[in-house]
Amino acid sequence: MRVQKNTVVSLTYELTDASGKLLEKADTPISYLHGGYGGIFPLVEEALHEMEVGYSCSVSMEPEDTFGEYDAELIRIEPRSSFPDNVVIGMHFEGAAEDSDDYILYKVTDVTDDSVTVDGNHPFAGMKLNFSCTVTEVRPATPEEISHEHVHGPHGHHH
């Protein structure tokens, strides 16, 4: 079966930076719903379209094709009193800018007696990335997966 719109594609992958340093690797295959549903980088989806099980590729991507450019405005220094007593570097918190309903995930990068510094950038923001993958399975998506716009079951989302 070929990778086409409304098929579920399973693949193994490695994500590396421009120098080849390994950033992520799937120990088990991941699955996504093919066809513009946002389950994988668009350039990777484009490279996999019409391919079959066993196909391997490597796609080089600029920041605008992945997690965007690094945005210094997403670094915020907040009052220490706004956080729990046990806050430590590396913790994550959801937050939104004033007058916004758009929540993003912030990572704590510094803690002092008076303040907590958080960064809302994705860890790979601003980086050129290489996504290497091999297709391990292709199957038709179920009507429920298509209506929900994501994969259910093994390697996918569970309700």
N, C-alpha and C. Protein backbone atom coordinates (compact mmCIF):
# COMPACT_ATOMS: atom_id res chain seq x y z
N MET A 1 0.84 -1.18 0.00
CA MET A 1 0.00 0.00 0.00
C MET A 1 0.89 1.24 0.00
N ARG A 2 0.48 2.23 -0.75
CA ARG A 2 1.22 3.48 -0.85
C ARG A 2 0.74 4.48 0.21
N VAL A 3 1.65 5.38 0.60
CA VAL A 3 1.33 6.47 1.51
C VAL A 3 0.50 7.49 0.71
N GLN A 4 -0.74 7.65 1.12
CA GLN A 4 -1.65 8.61 0.48
C GLN A 4 -2.49 9.29 1.54
N LYS A 5 -3.27 10.29 1.12
CA LYS A 5 -4.16 10.98 2.05
C LYS A 5 -5.07 9.96 2.73
N ASN A 6 -5.22 10.13 4.03
CA ASN A 6 -6.06 9.28 4.88
C ASN A 6 -5.54 7.86 5.02
N THR A 7 -4.19 7.73 4.99
CA THR A 7 -3.57 6.49 5.41
C THR A 7 -2.83 6.77 6.72
N VAL A 8 -2.69 5.72 7.52
CA VAL A 8 -1.91 5.82 8.75
C VAL A 8 -0.53 5.29 8.43
N VAL A 9 0.48 6.12 8.67
CA VAL A 9 1.86 5.79 8.35
C VAL A 9 2.61 5.58 9.66
N SER A 10 3.29 4.45 9.79
CA SER A 10 4.15 4.18 10.94
C SER A 10 5.59 4.22 10.45
N LEU A 11 6.45 4.81 11.28
CA LEU A 11 7.85 4.92 10.89
C LEU A 11 8.76 5.00 12.10
N THR A 12 10.00 4.61 11.87
CA THR A 12 11.05 4.84 12.85
C THR A 12 11.78 6.08 12.37
N TYR A 13 12.38 6.83 13.31
CA TYR A 13 13.05 8.06 12.89
C TYR A 13 14.17 8.43 13.83
N GLU A 14 15.03 9.27 13.32
CA GLU A 14 16.07 9.96 14.10
C GLU A 14 16.02 11.42 13.72
N LEU A 15 16.13 12.27 14.73
CA LEU A 15 16.19 13.71 14.52
C LEU A 15 17.56 14.18 14.98
N THR A 16 18.30 14.83 14.06
CA THR A 16 19.64 15.33 14.39
C THR A 16 19.72 16.81 14.06
N ASP A 17 20.70 17.47 14.69
CA ASP A 17 20.93 18.88 14.36
C ASP A 17 21.82 18.94 13.11
N ALA A 18 22.15 20.15 12.68
CA ALA A 18 22.93 20.33 11.45
C ALA A 18 24.31 19.69 11.51
N SER A 19 24.85 19.52 12.73
CA SER A 19 26.18 18.91 12.87
C SER A 19 26.11 17.39 12.97
N GLY A 20 24.88 16.84 12.99
CA GLY A 20 24.71 15.39 13.08
C GLY A 20 24.49 14.88 14.49
N LYS A 21 24.44 15.76 15.48
CA LYS A 21 24.20 15.35 16.86
C LYS A 21 22.78 14.82 17.00
N LEU A 22 22.62 13.62 17.56
CA LEU A 22 21.32 13.00 17.75
C LEU A 22 20.52 13.76 18.81
N LEU A 23 19.31 14.19 18.45
CA LEU A 23 18.43 14.92 19.37
C LEU A 23 17.29 14.04 19.87
N GLU A 24 16.75 13.20 18.98
CA GLU A 24 15.65 12.29 19.31
C GLU A 24 15.77 11.05 18.45
N LYS A 25 15.30 9.95 19.00
CA LYS A 25 15.25 8.71 18.24
C LYS A 25 14.06 7.91 18.74
N ALA A 26 13.25 7.39 17.82
CA ALA A 26 12.10 6.58 18.20
C ALA A 26 12.55 5.15 18.47
N ASP A 27 12.36 4.69 19.72
CA ASP A 27 12.69 3.31 20.05
C ASP A 27 11.67 2.35 19.45
N THR A 28 10.43 2.80 19.33
CA THR A 28 9.37 2.04 18.68
C THR A 28 8.77 2.95 17.61
N PRO A 29 8.16 2.38 16.57
CA PRO A 29 7.61 3.23 15.51
C PRO A 29 6.55 4.20 16.04
N ILE A 30 6.52 5.38 15.43
CA ILE A 30 5.46 6.35 15.69
C ILE A 30 4.51 6.28 14.50
N SER A 31 3.28 6.75 14.69
CA SER A 31 2.30 6.74 13.61
C SER A 31 1.65 8.10 13.50
N TYR A 32 1.29 8.46 12.27
CA TYR A 32 0.57 9.71 12.05
C TYR A 32 -0.43 9.52 10.93
N LEU A 33 -1.43 10.38 10.88
CA LEU A 33 -2.43 10.36 9.82
C LEU A 33 -1.94 11.25 8.68
N HIS A 34 -1.71 10.64 7.52
CA HIS A 34 -1.15 11.34 6.36
C HIS A 34 -2.24 12.12 5.63
N GLY A 35 -1.88 13.34 5.22
CA GLY A 35 -2.82 14.11 4.42
C GLY A 35 -3.02 15.54 4.89
N GLY A 36 -2.03 16.11 5.55
CA GLY A 36 -2.13 17.51 5.94
C GLY A 36 -2.82 17.76 7.27
N TYR A 37 -2.79 16.78 8.16
CA TYR A 37 -3.45 16.91 9.46
C TYR A 37 -2.53 17.45 10.56
N GLY A 38 -1.28 17.72 10.22
CA GLY A 38 -0.36 18.32 11.18
C GLY A 38 0.30 17.33 12.13
N GLY A 39 0.28 16.06 11.81
CA GLY A 39 0.86 15.05 12.69
C GLY A 39 2.36 14.86 12.53
N ILE A 40 2.92 15.47 11.49
CA ILE A 40 4.35 15.35 11.22
C ILE A 40 4.76 16.60 10.44
N PHE A 41 6.05 16.87 10.39
CA PHE A 41 6.53 18.03 9.66
C PHE A 41 6.03 17.96 8.21
N PRO A 42 5.49 19.06 7.67
CA PRO A 42 4.99 19.04 6.29
C PRO A 42 6.01 18.59 5.25
N LEU A 43 7.28 18.98 5.39
CA LEU A 43 8.29 18.56 4.41
C LEU A 43 8.54 17.05 4.47
N VAL A 44 8.43 16.46 5.66
CA VAL A 44 8.58 15.00 5.78
C VAL A 44 7.37 14.33 5.14
N GLU A 45 6.18 14.85 5.41
CA GLU A 45 4.97 14.28 4.81
C GLU A 45 5.06 14.32 3.28
N GLU A 46 5.55 15.44 2.76
CA GLU A 46 5.71 15.58 1.31
C GLU A 46 6.68 14.52 0.77
N ALA A 47 7.78 14.28 1.47
CA ALA A 47 8.78 13.30 1.02
C ALA A 47 8.24 11.88 1.06
N LEU A 48 7.30 11.61 1.97
CA LEU A 48 6.77 10.25 2.12
C LEU A 48 5.58 9.96 1.21
N HIS A 49 4.97 11.00 0.64
CA HIS A 49 3.77 10.81 -0.17
C HIS A 49 4.05 9.87 -1.35
N GLU A 50 3.17 8.90 -1.53
CA GLU A 50 3.23 7.89 -2.61
C GLU A 50 4.31 6.84 -2.39
N MET A 51 5.00 6.84 -1.23
CA MET A 51 6.03 5.84 -0.97
C MET A 51 5.39 4.60 -0.32
N GLU A 52 6.20 3.55 -0.10
CA GLU A 52 5.70 2.29 0.44
C GLU A 52 6.54 1.85 1.64
N VAL A 53 6.09 0.78 2.30
CA VAL A 53 6.82 0.21 3.43
C VAL A 53 8.25 -0.10 2.98
N GLY A 54 9.20 0.26 3.83
CA GLY A 54 10.62 0.04 3.54
C GLY A 54 11.31 1.28 3.00
N TYR A 55 10.54 2.28 2.57
CA TYR A 55 11.13 3.51 2.03
C TYR A 55 11.83 4.27 3.15
N SER A 56 13.04 4.73 2.87
CA SER A 56 13.81 5.54 3.82
C SER A 56 14.17 6.86 3.17
N CYS A 57 14.21 7.91 3.98
CA CYS A 57 14.63 9.20 3.47
C CYS A 57 15.20 10.04 4.60
N SER A 58 15.87 11.10 4.22
CA SER A 58 16.38 12.09 5.17
C SER A 58 15.99 13.46 4.64
N VAL A 59 15.33 14.24 5.49
CA VAL A 59 14.84 15.56 5.08
C VAL A 59 15.52 16.61 5.94
N SER A 60 16.20 17.56 5.29
CA SER A 60 16.83 18.67 6.00
C SER A 60 15.84 19.82 6.04
N MET A 61 15.70 20.43 7.22
CA MET A 61 14.70 21.47 7.40
C MET A 61 15.27 22.69 8.11
N GLU A 62 14.85 23.85 7.67
CA GLU A 62 15.19 25.12 8.30
C GLU A 62 14.24 25.34 9.48
N PRO A 63 14.60 26.25 10.39
CA PRO A 63 13.73 26.50 11.56
C PRO A 63 12.28 26.81 11.19
N GLU A 64 12.06 27.57 10.12
CA GLU A 64 10.68 27.92 9.75
C GLU A 64 9.87 26.70 9.32
N ASP A 65 10.55 25.58 9.01
CA ASP A 65 9.87 24.34 8.64
C ASP A 65 9.61 23.43 9.83
N THR A 66 10.10 23.81 11.01
CA THR A 66 9.97 22.94 12.18
C THR A 66 9.38 23.71 13.37
N PHE A 67 10.22 24.21 14.25
CA PHE A 67 9.76 24.83 15.48
C PHE A 67 9.92 26.34 15.51
N GLY A 68 10.26 26.93 14.36
CA GLY A 68 10.38 28.37 14.26
C GLY A 68 11.72 28.90 14.75
N GLU A 69 11.89 30.19 14.55
CA GLU A 69 13.10 30.87 15.03
C GLU A 69 13.01 31.04 16.54
N TYR A 70 14.16 31.15 17.18
CA TYR A 70 14.21 31.41 18.61
C TYR A 70 13.67 32.82 18.85
N ASP A 71 12.75 32.97 19.81
CA ASP A 71 12.10 34.25 20.09
C ASP A 71 12.44 34.70 21.50
N ALA A 72 13.31 35.70 21.61
CA ALA A 72 13.74 36.21 22.92
C ALA A 72 12.57 36.75 23.74
N GLU A 73 11.49 37.15 23.08
CA GLU A 73 10.32 37.67 23.80
C GLU A 73 9.58 36.58 24.56
N LEU A 74 9.90 35.32 24.30
CA LEU A 74 9.26 34.22 25.02
C LEU A 74 9.98 33.88 26.32
N ILE A 75 11.04 34.64 26.64
CA ILE A 75 11.71 34.49 27.92
C ILE A 75 11.09 35.52 28.86
N ARG A 76 10.62 35.03 30.01
CA ARG A 76 9.95 35.91 30.96
C ARG A 76 10.55 35.73 32.35
N ILE A 77 10.65 36.82 33.07
CA ILE A 77 11.07 36.78 34.47
C ILE A 77 9.83 37.12 35.30
N GLU A 78 9.44 36.17 36.13
CA GLU A 78 8.22 36.28 36.91
C GLU A 78 8.55 36.33 38.40
N PRO A 79 7.65 36.90 39.21
CA PRO A 79 7.87 36.91 40.66
C PRO A 79 7.92 35.48 41.21
N ARG A 80 8.85 35.25 42.10
CA ARG A 80 9.00 33.92 42.74
C ARG A 80 7.70 33.49 43.39
N SER A 81 6.94 34.45 43.92
CA SER A 81 5.69 34.14 44.63
C SER A 81 4.60 33.57 43.71
N SER A 82 4.78 33.67 42.40
CA SER A 82 3.80 33.14 41.46
C SER A 82 3.95 31.63 41.24
N PHE A 83 4.97 31.03 41.84
CA PHE A 83 5.28 29.63 41.61
C PHE A 83 5.20 28.84 42.91
N PRO A 84 5.04 27.53 42.82
CA PRO A 84 5.04 26.70 44.03
C PRO A 84 6.40 26.74 44.73
N ASP A 85 6.40 26.45 46.01
CA ASP A 85 7.63 26.48 46.79
C ASP A 85 8.70 25.54 46.25
N ASN A 86 8.29 24.43 45.63
CA ASN A 86 9.25 23.41 45.19
C ASN A 86 9.71 23.62 43.74
N VAL A 87 9.52 24.82 43.17
CA VAL A 87 9.92 25.07 41.78
C VAL A 87 11.43 24.89 41.63
N VAL A 88 11.82 24.17 40.55
CA VAL A 88 13.24 23.95 40.26
C VAL A 88 13.47 24.11 38.75
N ILE A 89 14.71 24.33 38.39
CA ILE A 89 15.09 24.43 36.98
C ILE A 89 14.70 23.13 36.28
N GLY A 90 14.10 23.28 35.10
CA GLY A 90 13.69 22.12 34.32
C GLY A 90 12.20 21.83 34.40
N MET A 91 11.51 22.37 35.41
CA MET A 91 10.06 22.18 35.50
C MET A 91 9.38 22.90 34.36
N HIS A 92 8.18 22.45 34.02
CA HIS A 92 7.38 23.07 32.97
C HIS A 92 6.07 23.59 33.54
N PHE A 93 5.63 24.74 33.00
CA PHE A 93 4.37 25.35 33.40
C PHE A 93 3.68 25.88 32.16
N GLU A 94 2.35 25.81 32.14
CA GLU A 94 1.58 26.43 31.08
C GLU A 94 1.33 27.87 31.42
N GLY A 95 1.36 28.73 30.43
CA GLY A 95 1.08 30.14 30.66
C GLY A 95 0.66 30.82 29.39
N ALA A 96 0.10 32.03 29.56
CA ALA A 96 -0.34 32.82 28.41
C ALA A 96 0.05 34.27 28.65
N ALA A 97 0.24 34.97 27.57
CA ALA A 97 0.50 36.40 27.67
C ALA A 97 -0.78 37.09 28.14
N GLU A 98 -0.61 38.27 28.73
CA GLU A 98 -1.78 39.02 29.16
C GLU A 98 -2.69 39.26 27.96
N ASP A 99 -3.99 39.23 28.20
CA ASP A 99 -5.01 39.46 27.16
C ASP A 99 -4.94 38.42 26.05
N SER A 100 -4.52 37.19 26.38
CA SER A 100 -4.44 36.13 25.37
C SER A 100 -5.00 34.84 25.94
N ASP A 101 -5.66 34.09 25.08
CA ASP A 101 -6.14 32.76 25.46
C ASP A 101 -5.23 31.66 24.91
N ASP A 102 -4.12 32.05 24.27
CA ASP A 102 -3.19 31.09 23.70
C ASP A 102 -2.16 30.68 24.74
N TYR A 103 -2.26 29.44 25.23
CA TYR A 103 -1.34 28.94 26.23
C TYR A 103 -0.16 28.25 25.56
N ILE A 104 1.02 28.45 26.12
CA ILE A 104 2.21 27.75 25.66
C ILE A 104 2.92 27.15 26.87
N LEU A 105 3.80 26.22 26.61
CA LEU A 105 4.54 25.55 27.66
C LEU A 105 5.85 26.29 27.90
N TYR A 106 6.06 26.67 29.15
CA TYR A 106 7.29 27.36 29.55
C TYR A 106 8.15 26.42 30.37
N LYS A 107 9.46 26.50 30.16
CA LYS A 107 10.41 25.71 30.93
C LYS A 107 11.15 26.65 31.88
N VAL A 108 11.27 26.25 33.15
CA VAL A 108 12.00 27.04 34.13
C VAL A 108 13.49 26.92 33.83
N THR A 109 14.15 28.08 33.64
CA THR A 109 15.58 28.08 33.33
C THR A 109 16.43 28.68 34.44
N ASP A 110 15.80 29.40 35.40
CA ASP A 110 16.56 29.97 36.52
C ASP A 110 15.59 30.25 37.66
N VAL A 111 16.07 30.04 38.88
CA VAL A 111 15.28 30.31 40.09
C VAL A 111 16.17 31.06 41.07
N THR A 112 15.68 32.22 41.54
CA THR A 112 16.37 32.96 42.60
C THR A 112 15.39 33.15 43.75
N ASP A 113 15.83 33.81 44.81
CA ASP A 113 14.94 34.06 45.95
C ASP A 113 13.76 34.93 45.56
N ASP A 114 13.94 35.79 44.56
CA ASP A 114 12.90 36.76 44.20
C ASP A 114 12.20 36.49 42.87
N SER A 115 12.82 35.70 41.98
CA SER A 115 12.24 35.55 40.65
C SER A 115 12.45 34.15 40.08
N VAL A 116 11.65 33.87 39.04
CA VAL A 116 11.77 32.63 38.28
C VAL A 116 11.82 33.04 36.81
N THR A 117 12.83 32.55 36.09
CA THR A 117 12.93 32.81 34.66
C THR A 117 12.40 31.59 33.91
N VAL A 118 11.50 31.86 32.96
CA VAL A 118 10.92 30.78 32.15
C VAL A 118 11.13 31.10 30.68
N ASP A 119 11.22 30.04 29.86
CA ASP A 119 11.45 30.17 28.43
C ASP A 119 10.37 29.39 27.69
N GLY A 120 9.62 30.08 26.82
CA GLY A 120 8.54 29.46 26.07
C GLY A 120 8.94 28.94 24.70
N ASN A 121 10.21 29.03 24.36
CA ASN A 121 10.68 28.49 23.08
C ASN A 121 10.75 26.97 23.14
N HIS A 122 10.46 26.32 22.02
CA HIS A 122 10.68 24.88 21.93
C HIS A 122 12.19 24.66 22.05
N PRO A 123 12.63 23.56 22.68
CA PRO A 123 14.08 23.33 22.83
C PRO A 123 14.84 23.33 21.50
N PHE A 124 14.18 23.01 20.39
CA PHE A 124 14.85 22.96 19.10
C PHE A 124 14.56 24.20 18.24
N ALA A 125 13.97 25.23 18.82
CA ALA A 125 13.69 26.46 18.07
C ALA A 125 14.99 27.07 17.56
N GLY A 126 14.95 27.58 16.34
CA GLY A 126 16.12 28.22 15.75
C GLY A 126 17.15 27.27 15.18
N MET A 127 16.88 25.98 15.22
CA MET A 127 17.86 25.00 14.76
C MET A 127 17.50 24.43 13.39
N LYS A 128 18.52 24.20 12.57
CA LYS A 128 18.35 23.43 11.35
C LYS A 128 18.33 21.97 11.78
N LEU A 129 17.35 21.21 11.30
CA LEU A 129 17.18 19.83 11.72
C LEU A 129 17.17 18.88 10.54
N ASN A 130 17.63 17.66 10.79
CA ASN A 130 17.56 16.58 9.80
C ASN A 130 16.69 15.48 10.38
N PHE A 131 15.67 15.09 9.62
CA PHE A 131 14.74 14.04 10.03
C PHE A 131 14.95 12.86 9.11
N SER A 132 15.50 11.76 9.65
CA SER A 132 15.72 10.55 8.86
C SER A 132 14.72 9.51 9.33
N CYS A 133 14.05 8.85 8.38
CA CYS A 133 13.01 7.89 8.78
C CYS A 133 12.92 6.74 7.80
N THR A 134 12.28 5.66 8.27
CA THR A 134 11.96 4.50 7.45
C THR A 134 10.52 4.12 7.72
N VAL A 135 9.74 3.98 6.65
CA VAL A 135 8.33 3.59 6.76
C VAL A 135 8.26 2.11 7.15
N THR A 136 7.55 1.81 8.24
CA THR A 136 7.43 0.43 8.70
C THR A 136 6.05 -0.17 8.46
N GLU A 137 5.04 0.69 8.25
CA GLU A 137 3.68 0.19 8.00
C GLU A 137 2.85 1.30 7.38
N VAL A 138 1.94 0.92 6.49
CA VAL A 138 0.95 1.84 5.92
C VAL A 138 -0.37 1.09 5.92
N ARG A 139 -1.42 1.74 6.43
CA ARG A 139 -2.74 1.12 6.43
C ARG A 139 -3.79 2.20 6.20
N PRO A 140 -4.98 1.79 5.74
CA PRO A 140 -6.05 2.78 5.61
C PRO A 140 -6.45 3.31 6.98
N ALA A 141 -6.73 4.59 7.07
CA ALA A 141 -7.23 5.17 8.32
C ALA A 141 -8.69 4.77 8.50
N THR A 142 -9.12 4.65 9.74
CA THR A 142 -10.53 4.37 10.01
C THR A 142 -11.34 5.66 9.86
N PRO A 143 -12.63 5.55 9.64
CA PRO A 143 -13.46 6.77 9.57
C PRO A 143 -13.33 7.62 10.85
N GLU A 144 -13.20 6.97 12.00
CA GLU A 144 -13.06 7.70 13.26
C GLU A 144 -11.74 8.48 13.29
N GLU A 145 -10.65 7.86 12.83
CA GLU A 145 -9.36 8.55 12.79
C GLU A 145 -9.43 9.76 11.86
N ILE A 146 -10.08 9.60 10.72
CA ILE A 146 -10.21 10.71 9.77
C ILE A 146 -11.04 11.83 10.38
N SER A 147 -12.15 11.49 11.04
CA SER A 147 -12.99 12.55 11.61
C SER A 147 -12.31 13.24 12.79
N HIS A 148 -11.48 12.51 13.53
CA HIS A 148 -10.74 13.11 14.67
C HIS A 148 -9.41 13.73 14.23
N GLU A 149 -8.99 13.43 13.00
CA GLU A 149 -7.77 13.96 12.40
C GLU A 149 -6.49 13.53 13.12
N HIS A 150 -6.51 12.33 13.71
CA HIS A 150 -5.31 11.74 14.30
C HIS A 150 -5.48 10.24 14.42
N VAL A 151 -4.35 9.56 14.65
CA VAL A 151 -4.32 8.10 14.74
C VAL A 151 -4.82 7.63 16.10
N HIS A 152 -5.55 6.53 16.09
CA HIS A 152 -5.95 5.84 17.32
C HIS A 152 -5.22 4.51 17.39
N GLY A 153 -5.18 3.90 18.54
CA GLY A 153 -4.62 2.56 18.66
C GLY A 153 -3.10 2.55 18.77
N PRO A 154 -2.47 1.40 18.42
CA PRO A 154 -1.03 1.26 18.58
C PRO A 154 -0.26 2.41 17.92
N HIS A 155 0.70 2.95 18.66
CA HIS A 155 1.59 4.02 18.23
C HIS A 155 0.88 5.37 18.07
N GLY A 156 -0.42 5.43 18.27
CA GLY A 156 -1.15 6.67 18.08
C GLY A 156 -1.86 7.09 19.35
N HIS A 157 -2.78 8.01 19.23
CA HIS A 157 -3.53 8.58 20.34
C HIS A 157 -4.60 7.61 20.81
N HIS A 158 -4.84 7.56 22.09
CA HIS A 158 -5.91 6.75 22.66
C HIS A 158 -6.91 7.67 23.33
N HIS A 159 -8.19 7.38 23.17
CA HIS A 159 -9.22 8.17 23.85
C HIS A 159 -9.55 7.51 25.17
